[in-house]
PDB file of N, CA and C in Angstrom:
ATOM      1  N   MET A   1      17.308  -5.128  -2.531  1.00  0.00           N
ATOM      2  CA  MET A   1      15.955  -5.555  -2.846  1.00  0.00           C
ATOM      3  C   MET A   1      15.313  -6.158  -1.591  1.00  0.00           C
ATOM      4  N   ILE A   2      14.111  -5.752  -1.319  1.00  0.00           N
ATOM      5  CA  ILE A   2      13.391  -6.228  -0.139  1.00  0.00           C
ATOM      6  C   ILE A   2      12.263  -7.149  -0.602  1.00  0.00           C
ATOM      7  N   LYS A   3      12.102  -8.291   0.092  1.00  0.00           N
ATOM      8  CA  LYS A   3      10.997  -9.205  -0.193  1.00  0.00           C
ATOM      9  C   LYS A   3      10.643  -9.893   1.119  1.00  0.00           C
ATOM     10  N   ARG A   4       9.619  -9.373   1.795  1.00  0.00           N
ATOM     11  CA  ARG A   4       9.197  -9.922   3.079  1.00  0.00           C
ATOM     12  C   ARG A   4       7.709 -10.247   3.043  1.00  0.00           C
ATOM     13  N   LYS A   5       7.282 -11.149   3.901  1.00  0.00           N
ATOM     14  CA  LYS A   5       5.849 -11.453   4.065  1.00  0.00           C
ATOM     15  C   LYS A   5       5.214 -10.477   5.060  1.00  0.00           C
ATOM     16  N   LYS A   6       6.027 -10.031   6.025  1.00  0.00           N
ATOM     17  CA  LYS A   6       5.548  -9.148   7.089  1.00  0.00           C
ATOM     18  C   LYS A   6       6.647  -8.140   7.406  1.00  0.00           C
ATOM     19  N   VAL A   7       6.254  -6.901   7.664  1.00  0.00           N
ATOM     20  CA  VAL A   7       7.249  -5.872   7.959  1.00  0.00           C
ATOM     21  C   VAL A   7       7.858  -6.075   9.338  1.00  0.00           C
ATOM     22  N   LYS A   8       8.982  -5.449   9.544  1.00  0.00           N
ATOM     23  CA  LYS A   8       9.624  -5.465  10.855  1.00  0.00           C
ATOM     24  C   LYS A   8       8.809  -4.601  11.820  1.00  0.00           C
ATOM     25  N   PRO A   9       8.909  -4.851  13.129  1.00  0.00           N
ATOM     26  CA  PRO A   9       8.207  -4.005  14.097  1.00  0.00           C
ATOM     27  C   PRO A   9       8.568  -2.531  13.896  1.00  0.00           C
ATOM     28  N   GLY A  10       7.554  -1.688  13.903  1.00  0.00           N
ATOM     29  CA  GLY A  10       7.750  -0.258  13.722  1.00  0.00           C
ATOM     30  C   GLY A  10       7.635   0.201  12.281  1.00  0.00           C
ATOM     31  N   GLU A  11       7.553  -0.734  11.327  1.00  0.00           N
ATOM     32  CA  GLU A  11       7.448  -0.385   9.912  1.00  0.00           C
ATOM     33  C   GLU A  11       6.026  -0.530   9.363  1.00  0.00           C
ATOM     34  N   GLU A  12       5.050  -0.732  10.214  1.00  0.00           N
ATOM     35  CA  GLU A  12       3.670  -0.907   9.778  1.00  0.00           C
ATOM     36  C   GLU A  12       3.189   0.326   9.010  1.00  0.00           C
ATOM     37  N   PHE A  13       2.298   0.098   8.042  1.00  0.00           N
ATOM     38  CA  PHE A  13       1.673   1.232   7.370  1.00  0.00           C
ATOM     39  C   PHE A  13       0.589   1.750   8.299  1.00  0.00           C
ATOM     40  N   ARG A  14       0.596   3.041   8.561  1.00  0.00           N
ATOM     41  CA  ARG A  14      -0.391   3.648   9.464  1.00  0.00           C
ATOM     42  C   ARG A  14      -1.393   4.451   8.647  1.00  0.00           C
ATOM     43  N   PHE A  15      -2.647   4.029   8.749  1.00  0.00           N
ATOM     44  CA  PHE A  15      -3.731   4.729   8.074  1.00  0.00           C
ATOM     45  C   PHE A  15      -4.162   5.921   8.924  1.00  0.00           C
ATOM     46  N   HIS A  16      -4.869   6.851   8.314  1.00  0.00           N
ATOM     47  CA  HIS A  16      -5.284   8.071   9.005  1.00  0.00           C
ATOM     48  C   HIS A  16      -6.138   7.786  10.247  1.00  0.00           C
ATOM     49  N   ASN A  17      -6.890   6.680  10.224  1.00  0.00           N
ATOM     50  CA  ASN A  17      -7.763   6.357  11.356  1.00  0.00           C
ATOM     51  C   ASN A  17      -7.045   5.594  12.470  1.00  0.00           C
ATOM     52  N   GLY A  18      -5.743   5.389  12.324  1.00  0.00           N
ATOM     53  CA  GLY A  18      -4.956   4.715  13.352  1.00  0.00           C
ATOM     54  C   GLY A  18      -4.754   3.229  13.107  1.00  0.00           C
ATOM     55  N   GLU A  19      -5.496   2.629  12.180  1.00  0.00           N
ATOM     56  CA  GLU A  19      -5.297   1.223  11.853  1.00  0.00           C
ATOM     57  C   GLU A  19      -3.941   1.055  11.188  1.00  0.00           C
ATOM     58  N   THR A  20      -3.436  -0.187  11.213  1.00  0.00           N
ATOM     59  CA  THR A  20      -2.141  -0.464  10.605  1.00  0.00           C
ATOM     60  C   THR A  20      -2.227  -1.688   9.694  1.00  0.00           C
ATOM     61  N   ALA A  21      -1.243  -1.817   8.832  1.00  0.00           N
ATOM     62  CA  ALA A  21      -1.072  -3.008   7.996  1.00  0.00           C
ATOM     63  C   ALA A  21       0.373  -3.450   8.134  1.00  0.00           C
ATOM     64  N   GLU A  22       0.552  -4.756   8.344  1.00  0.00           N
ATOM     65  CA  GLU A  22       1.884  -5.335   8.462  1.00  0.00           C
ATOM     66  C   GLU A  22       2.216  -6.231   7.277  1.00  0.00           C
ATOM     67  N   THR A  23       1.201  -6.597   6.486  1.00  0.00           N
ATOM     68  CA  THR A  23       1.378  -7.519   5.370  1.00  0.00           C
ATOM     69  C   THR A  23       0.639  -6.993   4.137  1.00  0.00           C
ATOM     70  N   LYS A  24       0.969  -7.580   2.998  1.00  0.00           N
ATOM     71  CA  LYS A  24       0.253  -7.232   1.768  1.00  0.00           C
ATOM     72  C   LYS A  24      -1.227  -7.576   1.911  1.00  0.00           C
ATOM     73  N   ALA A  25      -1.544  -8.711   2.510  1.00  0.00           N
ATOM     74  CA  ALA A  25      -2.936  -9.132   2.678  1.00  0.00           C
ATOM     75  C   ALA A  25      -3.721  -8.123   3.517  1.00  0.00           C
ATOM     76  N   GLN A  26      -3.103  -7.598   4.555  1.00  0.00           N
ATOM     77  CA  GLN A  26      -3.775  -6.593   5.386  1.00  0.00           C
ATOM     78  C   GLN A  26      -3.989  -5.302   4.610  1.00  0.00           C
ATOM     79  N   LEU A  27      -3.025  -4.923   3.780  1.00  0.00           N
ATOM     80  CA  LEU A  27      -3.183  -3.735   2.944  1.00  0.00           C
ATOM     81  C   LEU A  27      -4.333  -3.933   1.966  1.00  0.00           C
ATOM     82  N   VAL A  28      -4.387  -5.077   1.313  1.00  0.00           N
ATOM     83  CA  VAL A  28      -5.457  -5.374   0.354  1.00  0.00           C
ATOM     84  C   VAL A  28      -6.822  -5.337   1.042  1.00  0.00           C
ATOM     85  N   ALA A  29      -6.932  -5.935   2.220  1.00  0.00           N
ATOM     86  CA  ALA A  29      -8.201  -5.946   2.952  1.00  0.00           C
ATOM     87  C   ALA A  29      -8.661  -4.523   3.269  1.00  0.00           C
ATOM     88  N   LYS A  30      -7.744  -3.684   3.685  1.00  0.00           N
ATOM     89  CA  LYS A  30      -8.083  -2.294   4.001  1.00  0.00           C
ATOM     90  C   LYS A  30      -8.471  -1.530   2.737  1.00  0.00           C
ATOM     91  N   LEU A  31      -7.745  -1.754   1.641  1.00  0.00           N
ATOM     92  CA  LEU A  31      -8.074  -1.080   0.380  1.00  0.00           C
ATOM     93  C   LEU A  31      -9.481  -1.443  -0.089  1.00  0.00           C
ATOM     94  N   LYS A  32      -9.877  -2.684   0.097  1.00  0.00           N
ATOM     95  CA  LYS A  32     -11.213  -3.133  -0.331  1.00  0.00           C
ATOM     96  C   LYS A  32     -12.319  -2.371   0.400  1.00  0.00           C
ATOM     97  N   ARG A  33     -12.086  -2.015   1.644  1.00  0.00           N
ATOM     98  CA  ARG A  33     -13.090  -1.313   2.457  1.00  0.00           C
ATOM     99  C   ARG A  33     -12.983   0.207   2.354  1.00  0.00           C
ATOM    100  N   MET A  34     -11.926   0.689   1.753  1.00  0.00           N
ATOM    101  CA  MET A  34     -11.624   2.113   1.712  1.00  0.00           C
ATOM    102  C   MET A  34     -12.441   2.826   0.635  1.00  0.00           C
ATOM    103  N   SER A  35     -12.919   4.012   0.963  1.00  0.00           N
ATOM    104  CA  SER A  35     -13.611   4.830  -0.037  1.00  0.00           C
ATOM    105  C   SER A  35     -12.605   5.358  -1.052  1.00  0.00           C
ATOM    106  N   ASP A  36     -13.105   5.755  -2.216  1.00  0.00           N
ATOM    107  CA  ASP A  36     -12.224   6.356  -3.226  1.00  0.00           C
ATOM    108  C   ASP A  36     -11.601   7.639  -2.702  1.00  0.00           C
ATOM    109  N   GLU A  37     -12.366   8.393  -1.941  1.00  0.00           N
ATOM    110  CA  GLU A  37     -11.852   9.645  -1.368  1.00  0.00           C
ATOM    111  C   GLU A  37     -10.665   9.373  -0.443  1.00  0.00           C
ATOM    112  N   GLU A  38     -10.819   8.384   0.429  1.00  0.00           N
ATOM    113  CA  GLU A  38      -9.720   8.046   1.336  1.00  0.00           C
ATOM    114  C   GLU A  38      -8.517   7.534   0.535  1.00  0.00           C
ATOM    115  N   PHE A  39      -8.767   6.675  -0.465  1.00  0.00           N
ATOM    116  CA  PHE A  39      -7.685   6.159  -1.304  1.00  0.00           C
ATOM    117  C   PHE A  39      -6.870   7.309  -1.893  1.00  0.00           C
ATOM    118  N   HIS A  40      -7.569   8.328  -2.400  1.00  0.00           N
ATOM    119  CA  HIS A  40      -6.873   9.443  -3.033  1.00  0.00           C
ATOM    120  C   HIS A  40      -6.137  10.349  -2.031  1.00  0.00           C
ATOM    121  N   SER A  41      -6.404  10.160  -0.744  1.00  0.00           N
ATOM    122  CA  SER A  41      -5.602  10.886   0.242  1.00  0.00           C
ATOM    123  C   SER A  41      -4.223  10.240   0.394  1.00  0.00           C
ATOM    124  N   TYR A  42      -4.097   8.971  -0.036  1.00  0.00           N
ATOM    125  CA  TYR A  42      -2.821   8.255  -0.010  1.00  0.00           C
ATOM    126  C   TYR A  42      -2.151   8.204  -1.385  1.00  0.00           C
ATOM    127  N   VAL A  43      -2.972   8.203  -2.443  1.00  0.00           N
ATOM    128  CA  VAL A  43      -2.463   8.045  -3.806  1.00  0.00           C
ATOM    129  C   VAL A  43      -3.077   9.115  -4.688  1.00  0.00           C
ATOM    130  N   ASN A  44      -2.249   9.983  -5.228  1.00  0.00           N
ATOM    131  CA  ASN A  44      -2.724  11.039  -6.122  1.00  0.00           C
ATOM    132  C   ASN A  44      -1.568  11.474  -7.025  1.00  0.00           C
ATOM    133  N   VAL A  45      -1.735  12.545  -7.749  1.00  0.00           N
ATOM    134  CA  VAL A  45      -0.682  12.980  -8.686  1.00  0.00           C
ATOM    135  C   VAL A  45       0.597  13.397  -7.972  1.00  0.00           C
ATOM    136  N   HIS A  46       0.516  13.682  -6.690  1.00  0.00           N
ATOM    137  CA  HIS A  46       1.679  14.149  -5.930  1.00  0.00           C
ATOM    138  C   HIS A  46       2.397  13.058  -5.156  1.00  0.00           C
ATOM    139  N   LYS A  47       1.704  11.940  -4.896  1.00  0.00           N
ATOM    140  CA  LYS A  47       2.331  10.918  -4.051  1.00  0.00           C
ATOM    141  C   LYS A  47       1.647   9.564  -4.225  1.00  0.00           C
ATOM    142  N   ASN A  48       2.339   8.523  -3.755  1.00  0.00           N
ATOM    143  CA  ASN A  48       1.770   7.181  -3.673  1.00  0.00           C
ATOM    144  C   ASN A  48       2.341   6.559  -2.402  1.00  0.00           C
ATOM    145  N   ASP A  49       1.625   6.751  -1.307  1.00  0.00           N
ATOM    146  CA  ASP A  49       2.108   6.278  -0.010  1.00  0.00           C
ATOM    147  C   ASP A  49       2.243   4.758   0.034  1.00  0.00           C
ATOM    148  N   PHE A  50       1.377   4.039  -0.681  1.00  0.00           N
ATOM    149  CA  PHE A  50       1.457   2.576  -0.680  1.00  0.00           C
ATOM    150  C   PHE A  50       2.719   2.109  -1.402  1.00  0.00           C
ATOM    151  N   TYR A  51       3.048   2.757  -2.508  1.00  0.00           N
ATOM    152  CA  TYR A  51       4.301   2.464  -3.209  1.00  0.00           C
ATOM    153  C   TYR A  51       5.493   2.683  -2.277  1.00  0.00           C
ATOM    154  N   ASN A  52       5.521   3.826  -1.606  1.00  0.00           N
ATOM    155  CA  ASN A  52       6.643   4.144  -0.712  1.00  0.00           C
ATOM    156  C   ASN A  52       6.792   3.101   0.380  1.00  0.00           C
ATOM    157  N   TRP A  53       5.682   2.705   0.977  1.00  0.00           N
ATOM    158  CA  TRP A  53       5.729   1.724   2.070  1.00  0.00           C
ATOM    159  C   TRP A  53       6.201   0.370   1.552  1.00  0.00           C
ATOM    160  N   LEU A  54       5.620  -0.093   0.463  1.00  0.00           N
ATOM    161  CA  LEU A  54       6.033  -1.377  -0.100  1.00  0.00           C
ATOM    162  C   LEU A  54       7.514  -1.352  -0.468  1.00  0.00           C
ATOM    163  N   ARG A  55       7.956  -0.290  -1.124  1.00  0.00           N
ATOM    164  CA  ARG A  55       9.351  -0.162  -1.550  1.00  0.00           C
ATOM    165  C   ARG A  55      10.306  -0.188  -0.356  1.00  0.00           C
ATOM    166  N   ASP A  56       9.977   0.546   0.685  1.00  0.00           N
ATOM    167  CA  ASP A  56      10.889   0.703   1.819  1.00  0.00           C
ATOM    168  C   ASP A  56      10.815  -0.418   2.843  1.00  0.00           C
ATOM    169  N   CYS A  57       9.680  -1.126   2.907  1.00  0.00           N
ATOM    170  CA  CYS A  57       9.475  -2.031   4.040  1.00  0.00           C
ATOM    171  C   CYS A  57       9.093  -3.470   3.693  1.00  0.00           C
ATOM    172  N   LEU A  58       8.508  -3.717   2.518  1.00  0.00           N
ATOM    173  CA  LEU A  58       7.926  -5.042   2.301  1.00  0.00           C
ATOM    174  C   LEU A  58       8.404  -5.741   1.030  1.00  0.00           C
ATOM    175  N   ASP A  59       8.238  -5.109  -0.124  1.00  0.00           N
ATOM    176  CA  ASP A  59       8.501  -5.811  -1.383  1.00  0.00           C
ATOM    177  C   ASP A  59       8.799  -4.801  -2.494  1.00  0.00           C
ATOM    178  N   THR A  60      10.061  -4.628  -2.807  1.00  0.00           N
ATOM    179  CA  THR A  60      10.439  -3.612  -3.802  1.00  0.00           C
ATOM    180  C   THR A  60       9.930  -3.958  -5.200  1.00  0.00           C
ATOM    181  N   GLU A  61       9.893  -5.238  -5.558  1.00  0.00           N
ATOM    182  CA  GLU A  61       9.400  -5.636  -6.885  1.00  0.00           C
ATOM    183  C   GLU A  61       7.919  -5.308  -7.035  1.00  0.00           C
ATOM    184  N   LEU A  62       7.137  -5.632  -6.027  1.00  0.00           N
ATOM    185  CA  LEU A  62       5.705  -5.310  -6.046  1.00  0.00           C
ATOM    186  C   LEU A  62       5.505  -3.794  -6.066  1.00  0.00           C
ATOM    187  N   ALA A  63       6.303  -3.085  -5.314  1.00  0.00           N
ATOM    188  CA  ALA A  63       6.214  -1.624  -5.287  1.00  0.00           C
ATOM    189  C   ALA A  63       6.410  -1.045  -6.684  1.00  0.00           C
ATOM    190  N   ASP A  64       7.383  -1.562  -7.402  1.00  0.00           N
ATOM    191  CA  ASP A  64       7.637  -1.064  -8.756  1.00  0.00           C
ATOM    192  C   ASP A  64       6.436  -1.268  -9.674  1.00  0.00           C
ATOM    193  N   ARG A  65       5.687  -2.349  -9.461  1.00  0.00           N
ATOM    194  CA  ARG A  65       4.514  -2.621 -10.303  1.00  0.00           C
ATOM    195  C   ARG A  65       3.378  -1.629 -10.053  1.00  0.00           C
ATOM    196  N   ILE A  66       3.274  -1.113  -8.836  1.00  0.00           N
ATOM    197  CA  ILE A  66       2.160  -0.188  -8.527  1.00  0.00           C
ATOM    198  C   ILE A  66       2.596   1.271  -8.478  1.00  0.00           C
ATOM    199  N   LYS A  67       3.825   1.532  -8.789  1.00  0.00           N
ATOM    200  CA  LYS A  67       4.399   2.880  -8.661  1.00  0.00           C
ATOM    201  C   LYS A  67       3.542   3.970  -9.299  1.00  0.00           C
ATOM    202  N   ASN A  68       3.066   3.748 -10.500  1.00  0.00           N
ATOM    203  CA  ASN A  68       2.321   4.781 -11.222  1.00  0.00           C
ATOM    204  C   ASN A  68       0.816   4.556 -11.245  1.00  0.00           C
ATOM    205  N   VAL A  69       0.326   3.617 -10.454  1.00  0.00           N
ATOM    206  CA  VAL A  69      -1.108   3.319 -10.417  1.00  0.00           C
ATOM    207  C   VAL A  69      -1.814   4.345  -9.538  1.00  0.00           C
ATOM    208  N   LYS A  70      -2.829   4.982 -10.090  1.00  0.00           N
ATOM    209  CA  LYS A  70      -3.574   6.009  -9.353  1.00  0.00           C
ATOM    210  C   LYS A  70      -5.044   5.619  -9.142  1.00  0.00           C
ATOM    211  N   ASP A  71      -5.425   4.405  -9.568  1.00  0.00           N
ATOM    212  CA  ASP A  71      -6.801   3.928  -9.495  1.00  0.00           C
ATOM    213  C   ASP A  71      -6.887   2.776  -8.494  1.00  0.00           C
ATOM    214  N   LYS A  72      -7.830   2.852  -7.572  1.00  0.00           N
ATOM    215  CA  LYS A  72      -7.938   1.856  -6.512  1.00  0.00           C
ATOM    216  C   LYS A  72      -8.210   0.458  -7.063  1.00  0.00           C
ATOM    217  N   SER A  73      -9.126   0.321  -8.007  1.00  0.00           N
ATOM    218  CA  SER A  73      -9.450  -0.998  -8.568  1.00  0.00           C
ATOM    219  C   SER A  73      -8.240  -1.630  -9.253  1.00  0.00           C
ATOM    220  N   ARG A  74      -7.530  -0.823 -10.003  1.00  0.00           N
ATOM    221  CA  ARG A  74      -6.338  -1.332 -10.693  1.00  0.00           C
ATOM    222  C   ARG A  74      -5.260  -1.714  -9.693  1.00  0.00           C
ATOM    223  N   MET A  75      -5.096  -0.919  -8.634  1.00  0.00           N
ATOM    224  CA  MET A  75      -4.110  -1.249  -7.625  1.00  0.00           C
ATOM    225  C   MET A  75      -4.458  -2.557  -6.933  1.00  0.00           C
ATOM    226  N   LEU A  76      -5.735  -2.731  -6.593  1.00  0.00           N
ATOM    227  CA  LEU A  76      -6.148  -3.988  -5.961  1.00  0.00           C
ATOM    228  C   LEU A  76      -5.836  -5.181  -6.857  1.00  0.00           C
ATOM    229  N   ALA A  77      -6.122  -5.049  -8.137  1.00  0.00           N
ATOM    230  CA  ALA A  77      -5.859  -6.136  -9.078  1.00  0.00           C
ATOM    231  C   ALA A  77      -4.367  -6.459  -9.140  1.00  0.00           C
ATOM    232  N   MET A  78      -3.532  -5.458  -9.085  1.00  0.00           N
ATOM    233  CA  MET A  78      -2.087  -5.665  -9.172  1.00  0.00           C
ATOM    234  C   MET A  78      -1.489  -6.215  -7.868  1.00  0.00           C
ATOM    235  N   LEU A  79      -2.161  -5.973  -6.761  1.00  0.00           N
ATOM    236  CA  LEU A  79      -1.670  -6.454  -5.465  1.00  0.00           C
ATOM    237  C   LEU A  79      -2.051  -7.899  -5.188  1.00  0.00           C
ATOM    238  N   LYS A  80      -3.001  -8.438  -5.915  1.00  0.00           N
ATOM    239  CA  LYS A  80      -3.442  -9.823  -5.670  1.00  0.00           C
ATOM    240  C   LYS A  80      -2.477 -10.823  -6.232  1.00  0.00           C
TER     241      LYS A  80
END
């Protein structure tokens, strides 16, 4: 089980535009500014990149809570 405040160097989440997130707070801030279209490039019926990153690098318990979330507003609410 992983539970960290910040990922290890090299484990940052990399967004398509080159920005990164090292913490849950940084992920939430980016999600708030992200369009629905961009969100669905990371989360759709085929994948959930945020779940994978949280599970592998930051917080497995939190990852399990958002595993099946496909809606940006609901994901933001669950990440707070």
